[in-house]
Amino acid sequence: MNRREFGKRFALGAIGLRMREAMTSPHAFGPQIALTMDDFAWRNAIKLSAQERNEAILATLNKQHMRAALFVVGRNVEDLQGKELLKAWNDAGHLIGNHTYSHRNYNDPALTAKFFAEDILRAESLLKGFPQFRKYFRFPMLKEGNTVQKRDALRRFLERQEYRAGSVTIDNSDWIVDQRLRARLQREPNAELSPYRNFYLQHMWERAQYYESLARSVLRRPVKHTLLTHFNLLNALFLDDLVEMFKSKGWQWINADEALLDAVFTRRPRIVPAGESIIWGLAKESGRISQHLRYPAEDGEYETAKMDALGL
């Protein structure tokens, strides 16, 4: 091999090495994000039956080669139909997590830590028979206690029960868009759906940018994001659009079980009221930008005026 050939091969090898390093480095393709879905509330279906909604969401996940995390409210899988619908998620390899049995707001002053702990165990008794069940817990409405005593009591309980946090990094209000969509379809079954799709995608993109920026400001590093969504008509219709939108913006979809291993999910912000996005909680705890944080971090009321103005 002459010197010229050697130089050429060396240069090509160096380029290949840099490419491999780029492909395997964290966030080489932009922020990383995983899909998580809450509640599994399949009753009172509009436009699509519970089965059709289930199939539509799972079809998108299969098409996109994504494994999500489904945080299930126990009462939604007490009967045979609920169990059959959840079995489809289990068989597809998606992570199943605990979202309590009755989906109560832990910040309710009337709700005790004892009741809430029993509610978690009641849900577990219904979910543990599914092989894809893992001990990840997510608080309903992301509310983790309105007093130090309640906050810490549940943290100790979850630690004793060997639960890991199934926290959200990217919070949002997809549920209010779904609520408006279903109300319109009840009045006008043939209503145009694209305005709801467009509002939904814009809302989710705005919130993703906000929490990505907040994460980098507070943690000084990228995180593996968990995106909050709900098992609803909105996502049965537009989940594929949502996934494609993030991909078009340079975000990389990863599996939920991978995202939940990020060290950010081991953090326990010492704030009261506790909860919201884990990123929001850490920002609040830091004090540096806490004065700029609204509470609650996300709520349907924030989006209502915008939808009113658009006639949604």
Protein backbone atom coordinates (compact mmCIF):
# COMPACT_ATOMS: atom_id res chain seq x y z
CA MET A 1 0.00 0.00 0.00
CA ASN A 2 1.46 3.35 -1.01
CA ARG A 3 1.40 6.50 1.13
CA ARG A 4 -1.50 8.01 -0.82
CA GLU A 5 -3.71 4.94 -0.39
CA PHE A 6 -2.81 4.73 3.29
CA GLY A 7 -3.75 8.38 3.81
CA LYS A 8 -7.06 7.89 2.04
CA ARG A 9 -7.97 4.81 4.11
CA PHE A 10 -6.93 6.55 7.32
CA ALA A 11 -9.14 9.54 6.50
CA LEU A 12 -12.12 7.29 5.68
CA GLY A 13 -11.58 5.35 8.90
CA ALA A 14 -11.53 8.56 10.93
CA ILE A 15 -14.75 9.74 9.29
CA GLY A 16 -16.38 6.39 10.04
CA LEU A 17 -15.29 6.57 13.67
CA ARG A 18 -16.73 10.07 14.05
CA MET A 19 -20.00 8.90 12.49
CA ARG A 20 -20.22 5.93 14.86
CA GLU A 21 -19.50 8.19 17.83
CA ALA A 22 -22.20 10.61 16.70
CA MET A 23 -24.72 7.83 16.24
CA THR A 24 -24.09 6.38 19.69
CA SER A 25 -23.69 9.62 21.65
CA PRO A 26 -26.61 10.84 23.82
CA HIS A 27 -29.07 13.00 21.89
CA ALA A 28 -27.05 12.73 18.66
CA PHE A 29 -30.33 13.20 16.82
CA GLY A 30 -31.77 15.92 19.02
CA PRO A 31 -33.78 15.53 22.23
CA GLN A 32 -34.95 12.04 23.11
CA ILE A 33 -38.56 11.42 24.02
CA ALA A 34 -40.76 8.49 25.03
CA LEU A 35 -44.52 8.14 24.96
CA THR A 36 -46.42 7.58 28.18
CA MET A 37 -50.19 7.32 28.37
CA ASP A 38 -52.44 7.68 31.40
CA ASP A 39 -55.70 6.33 32.80
CA PHE A 40 -56.83 3.75 30.21
CA ALA A 41 -60.33 5.23 30.45
CA TRP A 42 -62.03 3.31 27.64
CA ARG A 43 -65.69 3.74 28.59
CA ASN A 44 -68.14 6.30 27.17
CA ALA A 45 -66.59 6.12 23.72
CA ILE A 46 -67.54 8.66 21.04
CA LYS A 47 -66.91 8.23 17.31
CA LEU A 48 -64.66 5.22 17.93
CA SER A 49 -65.57 2.28 20.12
CA ALA A 50 -63.26 1.27 22.95
CA GLN A 51 -61.91 -1.55 20.80
CA GLU A 52 -61.37 0.76 17.81
CA ARG A 53 -59.61 3.34 19.96
CA ASN A 54 -57.38 0.66 21.45
CA GLU A 55 -56.52 -0.74 18.04
CA ALA A 56 -55.81 2.69 16.55
CA ILE A 57 -53.34 3.66 19.28
CA LEU A 58 -51.59 0.29 19.26
CA ALA A 59 -51.41 0.34 15.45
CA THR A 60 -49.58 3.67 15.56
CA LEU A 61 -47.12 2.41 18.16
CA ASN A 62 -46.50 -0.71 16.10
CA LYS A 63 -46.04 1.29 12.89
CA GLN A 64 -43.58 3.62 14.62
CA HIS A 65 -41.70 0.76 16.32
CA MET A 66 -42.28 2.33 19.73
CA ARG A 67 -42.90 0.78 23.12
CA ALA A 68 -44.88 3.07 25.40
CA ALA A 69 -45.67 3.06 29.11
CA LEU A 70 -49.36 2.82 30.00
CA PHE A 71 -50.23 3.99 33.52
CA VAL A 72 -53.47 2.21 34.30
CA VAL A 73 -56.24 3.16 36.71
CA GLY A 74 -57.20 -0.12 38.35
CA ARG A 75 -60.96 0.32 38.16
CA ASN A 76 -60.65 0.39 34.36
CA VAL A 77 -59.45 -3.21 34.22
CA GLU A 78 -61.77 -4.76 36.78
CA ASP A 79 -64.14 -6.28 34.24
CA LEU A 80 -63.52 -8.67 31.36
CA GLN A 81 -63.57 -6.03 28.63
CA GLY A 82 -61.01 -3.88 30.40
CA LYS A 83 -58.76 -6.89 30.91
CA GLU A 84 -59.03 -7.87 27.24
CA LEU A 85 -58.18 -4.35 26.08
CA LEU A 86 -55.16 -4.21 28.40
CA LYS A 87 -54.03 -7.68 27.28
CA ALA A 88 -53.47 -6.25 23.81
CA TRP A 89 -50.99 -3.74 25.28
CA ASN A 90 -49.31 -6.45 27.30
CA ASP A 91 -48.99 -8.75 24.29
CA ALA A 92 -47.48 -5.92 22.24
CA GLY A 93 -44.72 -5.48 24.83
CA HIS A 94 -45.68 -2.12 26.30
CA LEU A 95 -44.81 -1.34 29.90
CA ILE A 96 -47.79 -1.34 32.28
CA GLY A 97 -47.57 0.91 35.33
CA ASN A 98 -49.71 1.76 38.36
CA HIS A 99 -51.91 4.90 38.40
CA THR A 100 -53.95 3.99 41.53
CA TYR A 101 -57.27 2.21 41.60
CA SER A 102 -59.66 5.16 41.83
CA HIS A 103 -57.71 8.10 40.30
CA ARG A 104 -58.09 10.52 43.22
CA ASN A 105 -56.21 13.80 43.66
CA TYR A 106 -53.70 13.25 46.48
CA ASN A 107 -53.66 16.98 47.20
CA ASP A 108 -57.27 16.76 48.36
CA PRO A 109 -57.08 17.66 52.08
CA ALA A 110 -59.66 14.98 52.83
CA LEU A 111 -57.48 12.23 51.34
CA THR A 112 -55.13 10.46 53.75
CA ALA A 113 -51.82 8.80 52.99
CA LYS A 114 -53.24 5.52 54.33
CA PHE A 115 -56.18 5.58 51.92
CA PHE A 116 -53.94 6.49 49.00
CA ALA A 117 -51.44 3.72 49.77
CA GLU A 118 -54.26 1.17 49.92
CA ASP A 119 -55.57 2.49 46.61
CA ILE A 120 -52.17 1.87 45.01
CA LEU A 121 -52.07 -1.69 46.33
CA ARG A 122 -55.63 -2.30 45.15
CA ALA A 123 -54.60 -1.32 41.62
CA GLU A 124 -51.50 -3.49 41.85
CA SER A 125 -53.62 -6.52 42.69
CA LEU A 126 -55.39 -6.10 39.34
CA LEU A 127 -52.29 -5.32 37.29
CA LYS A 128 -49.65 -7.71 38.61
CA GLY A 129 -51.07 -10.63 36.60
CA PHE A 130 -49.95 -8.97 33.37
CA PRO A 131 -46.36 -9.96 32.51
CA GLN A 132 -45.54 -6.44 31.32
CA PHE A 133 -46.50 -4.89 34.65
CA ARG A 134 -43.59 -3.11 36.27
CA LYS A 135 -43.47 -1.29 39.59
CA TYR A 136 -43.59 2.21 38.19
CA PHE A 137 -46.05 4.62 39.80
CA ARG A 138 -47.51 7.86 38.53
CA PHE A 139 -49.67 10.13 40.68
CA PRO A 140 -53.07 11.04 39.24
CA MET A 141 -53.06 14.63 37.97
CA LEU A 142 -49.35 14.61 38.95
CA LYS A 143 -50.29 15.76 42.46
CA GLU A 144 -47.90 14.29 45.04
CA GLY A 145 -49.07 15.79 48.33
CA ASN A 146 -50.17 19.18 49.65
CA THR A 147 -48.24 18.89 52.92
CA VAL A 148 -44.76 17.75 53.86
CA GLN A 149 -46.27 14.94 55.93
CA LYS A 150 -48.38 13.55 53.08
CA ARG A 151 -45.59 13.97 50.56
CA ASP A 152 -43.03 12.12 52.65
CA ALA A 153 -45.44 9.43 53.86
CA LEU A 154 -46.14 8.34 50.28
CA ARG A 155 -42.48 8.55 49.30
CA ARG A 156 -41.61 6.19 52.17
CA PHE A 157 -44.45 3.85 51.24
CA LEU A 158 -43.43 3.69 47.57
CA GLU A 159 -39.83 3.03 48.57
CA ARG A 160 -40.87 0.19 50.87
CA GLN A 161 -42.97 -1.29 48.08
CA GLU A 162 -40.02 -0.95 45.66
CA TYR A 163 -41.85 1.34 43.27
CA ARG A 164 -39.91 3.58 40.90
CA ALA A 165 -41.19 6.98 39.85
CA GLY A 166 -43.04 7.08 36.55
CA SER A 167 -42.80 10.85 36.43
CA VAL A 168 -43.63 13.12 33.52
CA THR A 169 -41.02 15.48 32.13
CA ILE A 170 -43.25 17.08 29.46
CA ASP A 171 -46.59 17.98 31.00
CA ASN A 172 -49.50 19.34 28.95
CA SER A 173 -53.29 19.53 28.75
CA ASP A 174 -54.19 17.15 25.94
CA TRP A 175 -57.22 16.12 27.98
CA ILE A 176 -58.96 19.48 27.57
CA VAL A 177 -58.51 19.35 23.79
CA ASP A 178 -60.05 15.86 23.83
CA GLN A 179 -62.89 17.11 26.02
CA ARG A 180 -63.66 19.91 23.56
CA LEU A 181 -63.40 17.55 20.60
CA ARG A 182 -65.82 15.03 22.09
CA ALA A 183 -68.28 17.77 23.05
CA ARG A 184 -68.26 19.06 19.46
CA LEU A 185 -68.82 15.57 18.05
CA GLN A 186 -71.75 15.03 20.38
CA ARG A 187 -73.35 18.17 18.93
CA GLU A 188 -72.11 17.71 15.38
CA PRO A 189 -71.11 14.13 14.55
CA ASN A 190 -69.69 15.20 11.18
CA ALA A 191 -67.72 18.18 12.47
CA GLU A 192 -64.37 18.99 10.85
CA LEU A 193 -61.58 17.49 12.94
CA SER A 194 -58.51 19.21 11.50
CA PRO A 195 -58.77 22.37 13.68
CA TYR A 196 -58.58 20.18 16.78
CA ARG A 197 -55.65 18.27 15.32
CA ASN A 198 -53.80 21.48 14.53
CA PHE A 199 -54.41 22.99 17.96
CA TYR A 200 -53.34 19.77 19.64
CA LEU A 201 -50.08 19.48 17.74
CA GLN A 202 -49.20 23.13 18.34
CA HIS A 203 -50.00 22.83 22.05
CA MET A 204 -47.85 19.72 22.45
CA TRP A 205 -44.95 21.26 20.58
CA GLU A 206 -45.08 24.43 22.66
CA ARG A 207 -45.07 22.49 25.92
CA ALA A 208 -42.26 20.20 24.74
CA GLN A 209 -40.06 23.18 23.88
CA TYR A 210 -40.82 24.76 27.24
CA TYR A 211 -39.90 21.70 29.30
CA GLU A 212 -36.85 20.91 27.18
CA SER A 213 -35.61 24.46 27.77
CA LEU A 214 -36.42 24.21 31.49
CA ALA A 215 -34.55 20.91 31.78
CA ARG A 216 -31.42 22.33 30.22
CA SER A 217 -31.63 25.45 32.39
CA VAL A 218 -32.05 23.54 35.66
CA LEU A 219 -30.08 20.35 35.05
CA ARG A 220 -27.48 21.67 32.62
CA ARG A 221 -27.85 18.48 30.60
CA PRO A 222 -30.32 16.81 28.25
CA VAL A 223 -32.81 14.36 29.73
CA LYS A 224 -34.69 11.44 28.27
CA HIS A 225 -38.15 12.91 28.21
CA THR A 226 -41.43 11.23 29.09
CA LEU A 227 -44.33 12.85 27.27
CA LEU A 228 -47.72 12.83 28.97
CA THR A 229 -50.68 11.72 26.86
CA HIS A 230 -54.02 10.16 27.72
CA PHE A 231 -55.92 7.17 26.39
CA ASN A 232 -58.58 9.17 24.58
CA LEU A 233 -60.20 9.82 21.23
CA LEU A 234 -57.78 12.64 20.45
CA ASN A 235 -54.82 10.28 20.51
CA ALA A 236 -56.66 7.50 18.73
CA LEU A 237 -57.14 9.96 15.85
CA PHE A 238 -53.91 11.96 15.90
CA LEU A 239 -51.17 10.02 17.70
CA ASP A 240 -49.39 9.20 14.45
CA ASP A 241 -49.43 12.88 13.52
CA LEU A 242 -47.95 13.69 16.92
CA VAL A 243 -45.14 11.18 16.53
CA GLU A 244 -44.33 12.38 13.03
CA MET A 245 -44.34 16.02 14.13
CA PHE A 246 -41.66 15.41 16.75
CA LYS A 247 -39.60 13.42 14.27
CA SER A 248 -39.83 16.28 11.76
CA LYS A 249 -38.49 18.64 14.44
CA GLY A 250 -35.42 16.45 14.99
CA TRP A 251 -36.57 14.70 18.17
CA GLN A 252 -35.76 11.02 18.58
CA TRP A 253 -38.39 8.62 19.89
CA ILE A 254 -37.12 5.99 22.31
CA ASN A 255 -38.85 3.28 24.31
CA ALA A 256 -40.42 4.24 27.62
CA ASP A 257 -38.51 1.65 29.64
CA GLU A 258 -35.26 3.22 28.41
CA ALA A 259 -36.37 6.78 29.16
CA LEU A 260 -37.46 5.90 32.70
CA LEU A 261 -33.90 4.86 33.55
CA ASP A 262 -32.71 8.46 33.28
CA ALA A 263 -31.31 9.66 36.61
CA VAL A 264 -33.78 12.54 36.69
CA PHE A 265 -36.49 10.08 37.76
CA THR A 266 -34.66 9.33 40.99
CA ARG A 267 -34.88 12.95 42.11
CA ARG A 268 -37.36 13.95 44.83
CA PRO A 269 -37.88 17.74 44.87
CA ARG A 270 -38.46 19.08 48.38
CA ILE A 271 -41.38 21.30 47.46
CA VAL A 272 -44.96 21.68 48.65
CA PRO A 273 -47.36 21.24 47.02
CA ALA A 274 -45.37 18.36 45.56
CA GLY A 275 -45.74 17.11 42.03
CA GLU A 276 -46.23 18.48 38.51
CA SER A 277 -43.56 17.63 35.93
CA ILE A 278 -40.36 16.39 37.57
CA ILE A 279 -38.60 19.13 35.60
CA TRP A 280 -40.99 21.76 36.97
CA GLY A 281 -40.48 20.42 40.50
CA LEU A 282 -36.70 20.63 40.25
CA ALA A 283 -36.95 24.14 38.83
CA LYS A 284 -39.20 25.14 41.73
CA GLU A 285 -36.81 23.60 44.25
CA SER A 286 -33.80 25.36 42.74
CA GLY A 287 -35.24 28.78 43.54
CA ARG A 288 -33.36 30.38 40.65
CA ILE A 289 -36.39 30.71 38.39
CA SER A 290 -39.19 29.67 40.70
CA GLN A 291 -40.82 33.11 40.53
CA HIS A 292 -41.48 32.55 36.84
CA LEU A 293 -43.28 29.22 37.30
CA ARG A 294 -47.07 29.14 37.20
CA TYR A 295 -49.08 26.81 39.42
CA PRO A 296 -50.49 24.45 38.49
CA ALA A 297 -47.86 23.95 35.83
CA GLU A 298 -50.52 22.87 33.31
CA ASP A 299 -54.28 23.14 33.42
CA GLY A 300 -57.18 23.12 31.01
CA GLU A 301 -57.99 26.70 31.95
CA TYR A 302 -54.79 27.90 30.30
CA GLU A 303 -55.93 26.54 26.94
CA THR A 304 -59.66 27.30 27.14
CA ALA A 305 -59.43 30.93 26.05
CA LYS A 306 -57.25 29.97 23.10
CA MET A 307 -59.75 27.34 21.96
CA ASP A 308 -62.65 29.74 22.49
CA ALA A 309 -60.97 32.25 20.21
CA LEU A 310 -60.63 29.58 17.52
CA GLY A 311 -64.22 28.35 17.92
CA LEU A 312 -63.12 24.96 19.21
